[in-house]
Amino acid sequence: MSSKLHFYNQIYENIMFSDESPDEKDRQLARLMSELEREYKIPIIRNYDWEKQNRAVVALYRKISMSRTLLSD
């Protein structure tokens, strides 16, 4: 895992283990996902070639996505 990706993973961990409300955690995770989209130019439409070349980014992005609560209600 690159140092930059490790940094984003650490932010994720800090959010998940914070004492914030679930709604605030969700907002922070959404912002983190947006930041990853900008930083790594994550395509809006699924691109299997891009995903194959960026497996660690995709794994972190999906982990963050699955941790969000808005869609699980």
C-alpha atoms as a PDB file:
ATOM      1  CA  MET A   1       0.000   0.000   0.000  1.00  0.00           C
ATOM      2  CA  SER A   2       1.429   3.379  -0.964  1.00  0.00           C
ATOM      3  CA  SER A   3       2.097   5.917   1.765  1.00  0.00           C
ATOM      4  CA  LYS A   4      -0.668   8.166   0.411  1.00  0.00           C
ATOM      5  CA  LEU A   5      -3.162   5.319   0.413  1.00  0.00           C
ATOM      6  CA  HIS A   6      -2.000   4.363   3.900  1.00  0.00           C
ATOM      7  CA  PHE A   7      -2.711   7.974   4.947  1.00  0.00           C
ATOM      8  CA  TYR A   8      -6.275   7.730   3.614  1.00  0.00           C
ATOM      9  CA  ASN A   9      -6.750   4.397   5.370  1.00  0.00           C
ATOM     10  CA  GLN A  10      -5.615   6.012   8.623  1.00  0.00           C
ATOM     11  CA  ILE A  11      -8.211   8.766   8.153  1.00  0.00           C
ATOM     12  CA  TYR A  12     -10.827   6.044   7.633  1.00  0.00           C
ATOM     13  CA  GLU A  13      -9.763   4.290  10.841  1.00  0.00           C
ATOM     14  CA  ASN A  14      -9.863   7.571  12.779  1.00  0.00           C
ATOM     15  CA  ILE A  15     -13.407   8.226  11.572  1.00  0.00           C
ATOM     16  CA  MET A  16     -14.618   4.729  12.381  1.00  0.00           C
ATOM     17  CA  PHE A  17     -13.185   4.746  15.910  1.00  0.00           C
ATOM     18  CA  SER A  18     -14.201   8.313  16.729  1.00  0.00           C
ATOM     19  CA  ASP A  19     -16.923   9.210  19.201  1.00  0.00           C
ATOM     20  CA  GLU A  20     -18.898  11.056  16.505  1.00  0.00           C
ATOM     21  CA  SER A  21     -22.540  10.241  15.869  1.00  0.00           C
ATOM     22  CA  PRO A  22     -23.315   7.760  13.077  1.00  0.00           C
ATOM     23  CA  ASP A  23     -24.645  10.635  10.943  1.00  0.00           C
ATOM     24  CA  GLU A  24     -21.432  12.632  11.367  1.00  0.00           C
ATOM     25  CA  LYS A  25     -19.298   9.571  10.623  1.00  0.00           C
ATOM     26  CA  ASP A  26     -21.347   9.065   7.489  1.00  0.00           C
ATOM     27  CA  ARG A  27     -20.727  12.655   6.368  1.00  0.00           C
ATOM     28  CA  GLN A  28     -17.007  12.298   7.022  1.00  0.00           C
ATOM     29  CA  LEU A  29     -16.868   9.022   5.104  1.00  0.00           C
ATOM     30  CA  ALA A  30     -18.698  10.635   2.175  1.00  0.00           C
ATOM     31  CA  ARG A  31     -16.124  13.458   2.134  1.00  0.00           C
ATOM     32  CA  LEU A  32     -13.315  10.906   2.274  1.00  0.00           C
ATOM     33  CA  MET A  33     -14.800   9.046  -0.693  1.00  0.00           C
ATOM     34  CA  SER A  34     -15.003  12.309  -2.654  1.00  0.00           C
ATOM     35  CA  GLU A  35     -11.391  13.061  -1.823  1.00  0.00           C
ATOM     36  CA  LEU A  36     -10.331   9.607  -3.043  1.00  0.00           C
ATOM     37  CA  GLU A  37     -12.324  10.130  -6.252  1.00  0.00           C
ATOM     38  CA  ARG A  38     -10.432  13.360  -6.942  1.00  0.00           C
ATOM     39  CA  GLU A  39      -7.005  12.125  -5.873  1.00  0.00           C
ATOM     40  CA  TYR A  40      -7.098   8.860  -7.805  1.00  0.00           C
ATOM     41  CA  LYS A  41      -9.440   9.967 -10.609  1.00  0.00           C
ATOM     42  CA  ILE A  42     -11.850   7.134  -9.834  1.00  0.00           C
ATOM     43  CA  PRO A  43     -14.109   6.786 -12.895  1.00  0.00           C
ATOM     44  CA  ILE A  44     -17.817   7.480 -12.458  1.00  0.00           C
ATOM     45  CA  ILE A  45     -18.716   4.566 -14.723  1.00  0.00           C
ATOM     46  CA  ARG A  46     -17.192   1.244 -13.700  1.00  0.00           C
ATOM     47  CA  ASN A  47     -13.988   0.599 -15.622  1.00  0.00           C
ATOM     48  CA  TYR A  48     -12.587  -2.896 -15.143  1.00  0.00           C
ATOM     49  CA  ASP A  49      -9.186  -1.998 -16.615  1.00  0.00           C
ATOM     50  CA  TRP A  50      -8.814   0.914 -14.195  1.00  0.00           C
ATOM     51  CA  GLU A  51      -9.908  -1.291 -11.292  1.00  0.00           C
ATOM     52  CA  LYS A  52      -7.385  -3.961 -12.263  1.00  0.00           C
ATOM     53  CA  GLN A  53      -4.581  -1.386 -12.248  1.00  0.00           C
ATOM     54  CA  ASN A  54      -5.712   0.194  -8.961  1.00  0.00           C
ATOM     55  CA  ARG A  55      -6.787  -2.739  -6.810  1.00  0.00           C
ATOM     56  CA  ALA A  56      -5.671  -1.200  -3.493  1.00  0.00           C
ATOM     57  CA  VAL A  57      -7.562   2.031  -4.221  1.00  0.00           C
ATOM     58  CA  VAL A  58     -10.694   0.101  -5.168  1.00  0.00           C
ATOM     59  CA  ALA A  59     -10.442  -2.031  -2.027  1.00  0.00           C
ATOM     60  CA  LEU A  60     -10.218   1.012   0.245  1.00  0.00           C
ATOM     61  CA  TYR A  61     -12.976   2.849  -1.617  1.00  0.00           C
ATOM     62  CA  ARG A  62     -15.313  -0.137  -1.310  1.00  0.00           C
ATOM     63  CA  LYS A  63     -14.453  -0.600   2.364  1.00  0.00           C
ATOM     64  CA  ILE A  64     -15.394   3.026   3.020  1.00  0.00           C
ATOM     65  CA  SER A  65     -18.559   2.676   0.956  1.00  0.00           C
ATOM     66  CA  MET A  66     -19.669  -0.425   2.862  1.00  0.00           C
ATOM     67  CA  SER A  67     -19.055   1.357   6.171  1.00  0.00           C
ATOM     68  CA  ARG A  68     -21.520   4.112   5.411  1.00  0.00           C
ATOM     69  CA  THR A  69     -24.926   3.980   7.076  1.00  0.00           C
ATOM     70  CA  LEU A  70     -27.119   6.136   4.826  1.00  0.00           C
ATOM     71  CA  LEU A  71     -27.859   3.374   2.364  1.00  0.00           C
ATOM     72  CA  SER A  72     -28.251   0.625   4.914  1.00  0.00           C
ATOM     73  CA  ASP A  73     -31.405   1.995   6.600  1.00  0.00           C
END
